[in-house]
Amino acid sequence: MITTIHGMLTCRWAARRIQRYLDSDPAAPLDPAELSRLEAHLAACARCSGRAEQYRALSRALAQWSDQHRPDPQLVARAHERAECVIAEEPA
């Protein structure tokens, strides 16, 4: 029973760090001890490594989708113009 509880706590700990690990988020980096612990956990835990693979697949799908769906340049230009007006506190 203790092993199961410990395993659940480790999975819970890992779940809160997987996305930061995969994104290499400079705003929330993992310290070397966390990085080492997470990589060891992912190597040993099928559930968490599966979750990490799902995040990777989602990231690939979003990147592919965004490559195929570029924003309308005119809409982007209008948004920039409006933002400049708001920043300058000028009426549109």
PDB file of N, CA and C in Angstrom:
ATOM      1  N   MET A   1       0.816  -1.194   0.000  1.00  0.00           N
ATOM      2  CA  MET A   1       0.000   0.000   0.000  1.00  0.00           C
ATOM      3  C   MET A   1       0.864   1.264   0.000  1.00  0.00           C
ATOM      4  N   ILE A   2       1.945   1.275   0.750  1.00  0.00           N
ATOM      5  CA  ILE A   2       2.821   2.443   0.792  1.00  0.00           C
ATOM      6  C   ILE A   2       3.419   2.711  -0.580  1.00  0.00           C
ATOM      7  N   THR A   3       3.818   1.662  -1.285  1.00  0.00           N
ATOM      8  CA  THR A   3       4.384   1.840  -2.617  1.00  0.00           C
ATOM      9  C   THR A   3       3.369   2.502  -3.542  1.00  0.00           C
ATOM     10  N   THR A   4       2.106   2.075  -3.476  1.00  0.00           N
ATOM     11  CA  THR A   4       1.070   2.662  -4.313  1.00  0.00           C
ATOM     12  C   THR A   4       0.866   4.130  -3.979  1.00  0.00           C
ATOM     13  N   ILE A   5       0.795   4.459  -2.709  1.00  0.00           N
ATOM     14  CA  ILE A   5       0.633   5.858  -2.302  1.00  0.00           C
ATOM     15  C   ILE A   5       1.848   6.660  -2.747  1.00  0.00           C
ATOM     16  N   HIS A   6       3.033   6.134  -2.534  1.00  0.00           N
ATOM     17  CA  HIS A   6       4.245   6.830  -2.968  1.00  0.00           C
ATOM     18  C   HIS A   6       4.236   7.011  -4.483  1.00  0.00           C
ATOM     19  N   GLY A   7       3.833   5.962  -5.204  1.00  0.00           N
ATOM     20  CA  GLY A   7       3.758   6.055  -6.665  1.00  0.00           C
ATOM     21  C   GLY A   7       2.769   7.114  -7.112  1.00  0.00           C
ATOM     22  N   MET A   8       1.617   7.195  -6.447  1.00  0.00           N
ATOM     23  CA  MET A   8       0.628   8.200  -6.799  1.00  0.00           C
ATOM     24  C   MET A   8       1.167   9.605  -6.526  1.00  0.00           C
ATOM     25  N   LEU A   9       1.868   9.769  -5.416  1.00  0.00           N
ATOM     26  CA  LEU A   9       2.442  11.069  -5.097  1.00  0.00           C
ATOM     27  C   LEU A   9       3.509  11.453  -6.120  1.00  0.00           C
ATOM     28  N   THR A  10       4.315  10.472  -6.544  1.00  0.00           N
ATOM     29  CA  THR A  10       5.339  10.742  -7.546  1.00  0.00           C
ATOM     30  C   THR A  10       4.690  11.103  -8.877  1.00  0.00           C
ATOM     31  N   CYS A  11       3.639  10.394  -9.272  1.00  0.00           N
ATOM     32  CA  CYS A  11       2.937  10.715 -10.513  1.00  0.00           C
ATOM     33  C   CYS A  11       2.299  12.101 -10.422  1.00  0.00           C
ATOM     34  N   ARG A  12       1.738  12.414  -9.295  1.00  0.00           N
ATOM     35  CA  ARG A  12       1.135  13.737  -9.105  1.00  0.00           C
ATOM     36  C   ARG A  12       2.216  14.821  -9.207  1.00  0.00           C
ATOM     37  N   TRP A  13       3.354  14.576  -8.576  1.00  0.00           N
ATOM     38  CA  TRP A  13       4.487  15.508  -8.639  1.00  0.00           C
ATOM     39  C   TRP A  13       4.932  15.670 -10.089  1.00  0.00           C
ATOM     40  N   ALA A  14       5.069  14.557 -10.813  1.00  0.00           N
ATOM     41  CA  ALA A  14       5.524  14.588 -12.204  1.00  0.00           C
ATOM     42  C   ALA A  14       4.518  15.296 -13.101  1.00  0.00           C
ATOM     43  N   ALA A  15       3.232  15.057 -12.886  1.00  0.00           N
ATOM     44  CA  ALA A  15       2.195  15.650 -13.735  1.00  0.00           C
ATOM     45  C   ALA A  15       2.267  17.169 -13.716  1.00  0.00           C
ATOM     46  N   ARG A  16       2.651  17.727 -12.584  1.00  0.00           N
ATOM     47  CA  ARG A  16       2.743  19.190 -12.476  1.00  0.00           C
ATOM     48  C   ARG A  16       3.988  19.740 -13.172  1.00  0.00           C
ATOM     49  N   ARG A  17       4.890  18.872 -13.598  1.00  0.00           N
ATOM     50  CA  ARG A  17       6.149  19.331 -14.193  1.00  0.00           C
ATOM     51  C   ARG A  17       6.355  18.903 -15.647  1.00  0.00           C
ATOM     52  N   ILE A  18       5.573  17.965 -16.129  1.00  0.00           N
ATOM     53  CA  ILE A  18       5.791  17.423 -17.479  1.00  0.00           C
ATOM     54  C   ILE A  18       5.728  18.517 -18.538  1.00  0.00           C
ATOM     55  N   GLN A  19       4.712  19.371 -18.497  1.00  0.00           N
ATOM     56  CA  GLN A  19       4.565  20.385 -19.529  1.00  0.00           C
ATOM     57  C   GLN A  19       5.730  21.371 -19.489  1.00  0.00           C
ATOM     58  N   ARG A  20       6.144  21.773 -18.293  1.00  0.00           N
ATOM     59  CA  ARG A  20       7.303  22.668 -18.179  1.00  0.00           C
ATOM     60  C   ARG A  20       8.550  22.003 -18.746  1.00  0.00           C
ATOM     61  N   TYR A  21       8.694  20.736 -18.504  1.00  0.00           N
ATOM     62  CA  TYR A  21       9.836  19.967 -19.000  1.00  0.00           C
ATOM     63  C   TYR A  21       9.835  19.928 -20.529  1.00  0.00           C
ATOM     64  N   LEU A  22       8.683  19.627 -21.112  1.00  0.00           N
ATOM     65  CA  LEU A  22       8.599  19.511 -22.563  1.00  0.00           C
ATOM     66  C   LEU A  22       8.745  20.864 -23.255  1.00  0.00           C
ATOM     67  N   ASP A  23       8.229  21.909 -22.627  1.00  0.00           N
ATOM     68  CA  ASP A  23       8.297  23.248 -23.225  1.00  0.00           C
ATOM     69  C   ASP A  23       9.630  23.933 -22.978  1.00  0.00           C
ATOM     70  N   SER A  24      10.414  23.408 -22.047  1.00  0.00           N
ATOM     71  CA  SER A  24      11.646  24.086 -21.630  1.00  0.00           C
ATOM     72  C   SER A  24      11.340  25.540 -21.309  1.00  0.00           C
ATOM     73  N   ASP A  25      10.292  25.746 -20.536  1.00  0.00           N
ATOM     74  CA  ASP A  25       9.787  27.073 -20.205  1.00  0.00           C
ATOM     75  C   ASP A  25      10.826  27.881 -19.437  1.00  0.00           C
ATOM     76  N   PRO A  26      11.391  28.935 -20.051  1.00  0.00           N
ATOM     77  CA  PRO A  26      12.405  29.727 -19.351  1.00  0.00           C
ATOM     78  C   PRO A  26      11.838  30.495 -18.163  1.00  0.00           C
ATOM     79  N   ALA A  27      10.522  30.707 -18.126  1.00  0.00           N
ATOM     80  CA  ALA A  27       9.906  31.408 -17.011  1.00  0.00           C
ATOM     81  C   ALA A  27       9.726  30.493 -15.795  1.00  0.00           C
ATOM     82  N   ALA A  28       9.774  29.191 -16.013  1.00  0.00           N
ATOM     83  CA  ALA A  28       9.579  28.232 -14.917  1.00  0.00           C
ATOM     84  C   ALA A  28      10.476  27.023 -15.127  1.00  0.00           C
ATOM     85  N   PRO A  29      11.790  27.229 -15.138  1.00  0.00           N
ATOM     86  CA  PRO A  29      12.685  26.095 -15.406  1.00  0.00           C
ATOM     87  C   PRO A  29      12.709  25.095 -14.250  1.00  0.00           C
ATOM     88  N   LEU A  30      12.958  23.860 -14.603  1.00  0.00           N
ATOM     89  CA  LEU A  30      13.156  22.841 -13.579  1.00  0.00           C
ATOM     90  C   LEU A  30      14.604  22.918 -13.123  1.00  0.00           C
ATOM     91  N   ASP A  31      14.801  22.796 -11.825  1.00  0.00           N
ATOM     92  CA  ASP A  31      16.196  22.787 -11.361  1.00  0.00           C
ATOM     93  C   ASP A  31      16.794  21.415 -11.677  1.00  0.00           C
ATOM     94  N   PRO A  32      18.110  21.285 -11.634  1.00  0.00           N
ATOM     95  CA  PRO A  32      18.746  20.013 -12.021  1.00  0.00           C
ATOM     96  C   PRO A  32      18.226  18.801 -11.255  1.00  0.00           C
ATOM     97  N   ALA A  33      17.935  18.958  -9.970  1.00  0.00           N
ATOM     98  CA  ALA A  33      17.412  17.827  -9.188  1.00  0.00           C
ATOM     99  C   ALA A  33      16.021  17.426  -9.674  1.00  0.00           C
ATOM    100  N   GLU A  34      15.155  18.414  -9.950  1.00  0.00           N
ATOM    101  CA  GLU A  34      13.820  18.113 -10.470  1.00  0.00           C
ATOM    102  C   GLU A  34      13.908  17.461 -11.844  1.00  0.00           C
ATOM    103  N   LEU A  35      14.777  17.977 -12.678  1.00  0.00           N
ATOM    104  CA  LEU A  35      14.958  17.442 -14.020  1.00  0.00           C
ATOM    105  C   LEU A  35      15.378  15.977 -13.963  1.00  0.00           C
ATOM    106  N   SER A  36      16.339  15.686 -13.129  1.00  0.00           N
ATOM    107  CA  SER A  36      16.826  14.323 -12.980  1.00  0.00           C
ATOM    108  C   SER A  36      15.729  13.401 -12.445  1.00  0.00           C
ATOM    109  N   ARG A  37      15.003  13.878 -11.426  1.00  0.00           N
ATOM    110  CA  ARG A  37      13.933  13.073 -10.829  1.00  0.00           C
ATOM    111  C   ARG A  37      12.821  12.824 -11.843  1.00  0.00           C
ATOM    112  N   LEU A  38      12.449  13.850 -12.606  1.00  0.00           N
ATOM    113  CA  LEU A  38      11.377  13.693 -13.583  1.00  0.00           C
ATOM    114  C   LEU A  38      11.783  12.734 -14.693  1.00  0.00           C
ATOM    115  N   GLU A  39      12.994  12.869 -15.214  1.00  0.00           N
ATOM    116  CA  GLU A  39      13.445  11.967 -16.272  1.00  0.00           C
ATOM    117  C   GLU A  39      13.496  10.524 -15.790  1.00  0.00           C
ATOM    118  N   ALA A  40      13.925  10.312 -14.557  1.00  0.00           N
ATOM    119  CA  ALA A  40      13.940   8.952 -14.005  1.00  0.00           C
ATOM    120  C   ALA A  40      12.518   8.422 -13.873  1.00  0.00           C
ATOM    121  N   HIS A  41      11.600   9.280 -13.424  1.00  0.00           N
ATOM    122  CA  HIS A  41      10.210   8.852 -13.276  1.00  0.00           C
ATOM    123  C   HIS A  41       9.600   8.522 -14.639  1.00  0.00           C
ATOM    124  N   LEU A  42       9.840   9.372 -15.645  1.00  0.00           N
ATOM    125  CA  LEU A  42       9.292   9.110 -16.974  1.00  0.00           C
ATOM    126  C   LEU A  42       9.839   7.812 -17.571  1.00  0.00           C
ATOM    127  N   ALA A  43      11.078   7.485 -17.257  1.00  0.00           N
ATOM    128  CA  ALA A  43      11.680   6.245 -17.752  1.00  0.00           C
ATOM    129  C   ALA A  43      11.050   5.016 -17.107  1.00  0.00           C
ATOM    130  N   ALA A  44      10.517   5.182 -15.886  1.00  0.00           N
ATOM    131  CA  ALA A  44       9.995   4.037 -15.143  1.00  0.00           C
ATOM    132  C   ALA A  44       8.473   3.942 -15.130  1.00  0.00           C
ATOM    133  N   CYS A  45       7.782   5.024 -15.449  1.00  0.00           N
ATOM    134  CA  CYS A  45       6.322   5.054 -15.296  1.00  0.00           C
ATOM    135  C   CYS A  45       5.649   5.153 -16.658  1.00  0.00           C
ATOM    136  N   ALA A  46       4.965   4.099 -17.038  1.00  0.00           N
ATOM    137  CA  ALA A  46       4.278   4.065 -18.337  1.00  0.00           C
ATOM    138  C   ALA A  46       3.165   5.103 -18.401  1.00  0.00           C
ATOM    139  N   ARG A  47       2.474   5.299 -17.301  1.00  0.00           N
ATOM    140  CA  ARG A  47       1.367   6.265 -17.284  1.00  0.00           C
ATOM    141  C   ARG A  47       1.863   7.681 -17.563  1.00  0.00           C
ATOM    142  N   CYS A  48       2.897   8.094 -16.862  1.00  0.00           N
ATOM    143  CA  CYS A  48       3.414   9.452 -17.032  1.00  0.00           C
ATOM    144  C   CYS A  48       4.154   9.623 -18.356  1.00  0.00           C
ATOM    145  N   SER A  49       4.879   8.603 -18.790  1.00  0.00           N
ATOM    146  CA  SER A  49       5.548   8.718 -20.087  1.00  0.00           C
ATOM    147  C   SER A  49       4.503   8.757 -21.204  1.00  0.00           C
ATOM    148  N   GLY A  50       3.388   8.067 -21.024  1.00  0.00           N
ATOM    149  CA  GLY A  50       2.286   8.145 -21.981  1.00  0.00           C
ATOM    150  C   GLY A  50       1.681   9.535 -22.019  1.00  0.00           C
ATOM    151  N   ARG A  51       1.544  10.136 -20.847  1.00  0.00           N
ATOM    152  CA  ARG A  51       1.033  11.509 -20.776  1.00  0.00           C
ATOM    153  C   ARG A  51       1.989  12.460 -21.494  1.00  0.00           C
ATOM    154  N   ALA A  52       3.287  12.281 -21.281  1.00  0.00           N
ATOM    155  CA  ALA A  52       4.278  13.129 -21.949  1.00  0.00           C
ATOM    156  C   ALA A  52       4.185  12.950 -23.460  1.00  0.00           C
ATOM    157  N   GLU A  53       3.985  11.732 -23.928  1.00  0.00           N
ATOM    158  CA  GLU A  53       3.862  11.491 -25.364  1.00  0.00           C
ATOM    159  C   GLU A  53       2.592  12.126 -25.916  1.00  0.00           C
ATOM    160  N   GLN A  54       1.516  12.128 -25.142  1.00  0.00           N
ATOM    161  CA  GLN A  54       0.293  12.800 -25.581  1.00  0.00           C
ATOM    162  C   GLN A  54       0.536  14.302 -25.742  1.00  0.00           C
ATOM    163  N   TYR A  55       1.248  14.899 -24.808  1.00  0.00           N
ATOM    164  CA  TYR A  55       1.587  16.327 -24.918  1.00  0.00           C
ATOM    165  C   TYR A  55       2.442  16.576 -26.163  1.00  0.00           C
ATOM    166  N   ARG A  56       3.404  15.695 -26.407  1.00  0.00           N
ATOM    167  CA  ARG A  56       4.258  15.848 -27.594  1.00  0.00           C
ATOM    168  C   ARG A  56       3.421  15.763 -28.875  1.00  0.00           C
ATOM    169  N   ALA A  57       2.496  14.800 -28.923  1.00  0.00           N
ATOM    170  CA  ALA A  57       1.642  14.630 -30.100  1.00  0.00           C
ATOM    171  C   ALA A  57       0.749  15.850 -30.298  1.00  0.00           C
ATOM    172  N   LEU A  58       0.214  16.384 -29.217  1.00  0.00           N
ATOM    173  CA  LEU A  58      -0.616  17.576 -29.307  1.00  0.00           C
ATOM    174  C   LEU A  58       0.206  18.756 -29.810  1.00  0.00           C
ATOM    175  N   SER A  59       1.408  18.901 -29.305  1.00  0.00           N
ATOM    176  CA  SER A  59       2.288  19.987 -29.742  1.00  0.00           C
ATOM    177  C   SER A  59       2.592  19.873 -31.233  1.00  0.00           C
ATOM    178  N   ARG A  60       2.881  18.654 -31.701  1.00  0.00           N
ATOM    179  CA  ARG A  60       3.137  18.450 -33.129  1.00  0.00           C
ATOM    180  C   ARG A  60       1.905  18.785 -33.959  1.00  0.00           C
ATOM    181  N   ALA A  61       0.728  18.363 -33.498  1.00  0.00           N
ATOM    182  CA  ALA A  61      -0.512  18.627 -34.236  1.00  0.00           C
ATOM    183  C   ALA A  61      -0.799  20.131 -34.294  1.00  0.00           C
ATOM    184  N   LEU A  62      -0.599  20.829 -33.204  1.00  0.00           N
ATOM    185  CA  LEU A  62      -0.825  22.273 -33.196  1.00  0.00           C
ATOM    186  C   LEU A  62       0.165  22.994 -34.103  1.00  0.00           C
ATOM    187  N   ALA A  63       1.410  22.564 -34.091  1.00  0.00           N
ATOM    188  CA  ALA A  63       2.413  23.179 -34.960  1.00  0.00           C
ATOM    189  C   ALA A  63       2.056  22.946 -36.430  1.00  0.00           C
ATOM    190  N   GLN A  64       1.636  21.737 -36.748  1.00  0.00           N
ATOM    191  CA  GLN A  64       1.246  21.425 -38.125  1.00  0.00           C
ATOM    192  C   GLN A  64       0.024  22.248 -38.523  1.00  0.00           C
ATOM    193  N   TRP A  65      -0.963  22.351 -37.646  1.00  0.00           N
ATOM    194  CA  TRP A  65      -2.164  23.119 -37.935  1.00  0.00           C
ATOM    195  C   TRP A  65      -1.814  24.588 -38.159  1.00  0.00           C
ATOM    196  N   SER A  66      -0.968  25.148 -37.283  1.00  0.00           N
ATOM    197  CA  SER A  66      -0.635  26.567 -37.428  1.00  0.00           C
ATOM    198  C   SER A  66       0.168  26.826 -38.690  1.00  0.00           C
ATOM    199  N   ASP A  67       0.946  25.863 -39.144  1.00  0.00           N
ATOM    200  CA  ASP A  67       1.671  26.011 -40.410  1.00  0.00           C
ATOM    201  C   ASP A  67       0.700  26.082 -41.593  1.00  0.00           C
ATOM    202  N   GLN A  68      -0.431  25.415 -41.460  1.00  0.00           N
ATOM    203  CA  GLN A  68      -1.406  25.360 -42.549  1.00  0.00           C
ATOM    204  C   GLN A  68      -2.434  26.486 -42.479  1.00  0.00           C
ATOM    205  N   HIS A  69      -2.555  27.145 -41.340  1.00  0.00           N
ATOM    206  CA  HIS A  69      -3.582  28.165 -41.134  1.00  0.00           C
ATOM    207  C   HIS A  69      -2.932  29.476 -40.688  1.00  0.00           C
ATOM    208  N   ARG A  70      -2.425  30.192 -41.636  1.00  0.00           N
ATOM    209  CA  ARG A  70      -1.779  31.474 -41.349  1.00  0.00           C
ATOM    210  C   ARG A  70      -2.848  32.556 -41.169  1.00  0.00           C
ATOM    211  N   PRO A  71      -2.609  33.518 -40.285  1.00  0.00           N
ATOM    212  CA  PRO A  71      -3.589  34.588 -40.097  1.00  0.00           C
ATOM    213  C   PRO A  71      -3.655  35.503 -41.325  1.00  0.00           C
ATOM    214  N   ASP A  72      -4.797  36.110 -41.506  1.00  0.00           N
ATOM    215  CA  ASP A  72      -5.013  37.054 -42.597  1.00  0.00           C
ATOM    216  C   ASP A  72      -4.136  38.291 -42.358  1.00  0.00           C
ATOM    217  N   PRO A  73      -3.223  38.613 -43.279  1.00  0.00           N
ATOM    218  CA  PRO A  73      -2.320  39.756 -43.087  1.00  0.00           C
ATOM    219  C   PRO A  73      -3.055  41.082 -42.884  1.00  0.00           C
ATOM    220  N   GLN A  74      -4.184  41.268 -43.564  1.00  0.00           N
ATOM    221  CA  GLN A  74      -4.944  42.510 -43.388  1.00  0.00           C
ATOM    222  C   GLN A  74      -5.546  42.602 -41.990  1.00  0.00           C
ATOM    223  N   LEU A  75      -6.024  41.481 -41.480  1.00  0.00           N
ATOM    224  CA  LEU A  75      -6.571  41.459 -40.129  1.00  0.00           C
ATOM    225  C   LEU A  75      -5.479  41.750 -39.103  1.00  0.00           C
ATOM    226  N   VAL A  76      -4.313  41.181 -39.309  1.00  0.00           N
ATOM    227  CA  VAL A  76      -3.180  41.427 -38.409  1.00  0.00           C
ATOM    228  C   VAL A  76      -2.800  42.908 -38.443  1.00  0.00           C
ATOM    229  N   ALA A  77      -2.756  43.499 -39.628  1.00  0.00           N
ATOM    230  CA  ALA A  77      -2.416  44.922 -39.752  1.00  0.00           C
ATOM    231  C   ALA A  77      -3.445  45.786 -39.044  1.00  0.00           C
ATOM    232  N   ARG A  78      -4.737  45.469 -39.194  1.00  0.00           N
ATOM    233  CA  ARG A  78      -5.782  46.243 -38.506  1.00  0.00           C
ATOM    234  C   ARG A  78      -5.661  46.101 -37.001  1.00  0.00           C
ATOM    235  N   ALA A  79      -5.346  44.908 -36.525  1.00  0.00           N
ATOM    236  CA  ALA A  79      -5.177  44.697 -35.087  1.00  0.00           C
ATOM    237  C   ALA A  79      -4.003  45.512 -34.558  1.00  0.00           C
ATOM    238  N   HIS A  80      -2.909  45.556 -35.319  1.00  0.00           N
ATOM    239  CA  HIS A  80      -1.754  46.365 -34.913  1.00  0.00           C
ATOM    240  C   HIS A  80      -2.106  47.845 -34.872  1.00  0.00           C
ATOM    241  N   GLU A  81      -2.834  48.320 -35.880  1.00  0.00           N
ATOM    242  CA  GLU A  81      -3.238  49.720 -35.910  1.00  0.00           C
ATOM    243  C   GLU A  81      -4.117  50.051 -34.715  1.00  0.00           C
ATOM    244  N   ARG A  82      -5.064  49.182 -34.417  1.00  0.00           N
ATOM    245  CA  ARG A  82      -5.968  49.410 -33.280  1.00  0.00           C
ATOM    246  C   ARG A  82      -5.186  49.403 -31.975  1.00  0.00           C
ATOM    247  N   ALA A  83      -4.256  48.478 -31.839  1.00  0.00           N
ATOM    248  CA  ALA A  83      -3.437  48.414 -30.622  1.00  0.00           C
ATOM    249  C   ALA A  83      -2.618  49.690 -30.455  1.00  0.00           C
ATOM    250  N   GLU A  84      -2.087  50.204 -31.547  1.00  0.00           N
ATOM    251  CA  GLU A  84      -1.320  51.453 -31.480  1.00  0.00           C
ATOM    252  C   GLU A  84      -2.204  52.605 -31.038  1.00  0.00           C
ATOM    253  N   CYS A  85      -3.448  52.652 -31.518  1.00  0.00           N
ATOM    254  CA  CYS A  85      -4.387  53.690 -31.093  1.00  0.00           C
ATOM    255  C   CYS A  85      -4.693  53.586 -29.600  1.00  0.00           C
ATOM    256  N   VAL A  86      -4.915  52.390 -29.141  1.00  0.00           N
ATOM    257  CA  VAL A  86      -5.217  52.175 -27.721  1.00  0.00           C
ATOM    258  C   VAL A  86      -4.011  52.592 -26.877  1.00  0.00           C
ATOM    259  N   ILE A  87      -2.829  52.196 -27.300  1.00  0.00           N
ATOM    260  CA  ILE A  87      -1.620  52.539 -26.556  1.00  0.00           C
ATOM    261  C   ILE A  87      -1.415  54.057 -26.528  1.00  0.00           C
ATOM    262  N   ALA A  88      -1.677  54.700 -27.641  1.00  0.00           N
ATOM    263  CA  ALA A  88      -1.516  56.144 -27.718  1.00  0.00           C
ATOM    264  C   ALA A  88      -2.721  56.880 -27.138  1.00  0.00           C
ATOM    265  N   GLU A  89      -3.740  56.160 -26.730  1.00  0.00           N
ATOM    266  CA  GLU A  89      -4.986  56.708 -26.171  1.00  0.00           C
ATOM    267  C   GLU A  89      -5.648  57.666 -27.153  1.00  0.00           C
ATOM    268  N   GLU A  90      -5.643  57.281 -28.406  1.00  0.00           N
ATOM    269  CA  GLU A  90      -6.298  58.060 -29.445  1.00  0.00           C
ATOM    270  C   GLU A  90      -7.601  57.367 -29.817  1.00  0.00           C
ATOM    271  N   PRO A  91      -8.616  58.134 -30.145  1.00  0.00           N
ATOM    272  CA  PRO A  91      -9.838  57.500 -30.612  1.00  0.00           C
ATOM    273  C   PRO A  91      -9.614  56.845 -31.983  1.00  0.00           C
ATOM    274  N   ALA A  92     -10.273  55.737 -32.180  1.00  0.00           N
ATOM    275  CA  ALA A  92     -10.097  55.010 -33.453  1.00  0.00           C
ATOM    276  C   ALA A  92     -10.872  55.658 -34.567  1.00  0.00           C
TER     277      ALA A  92
END
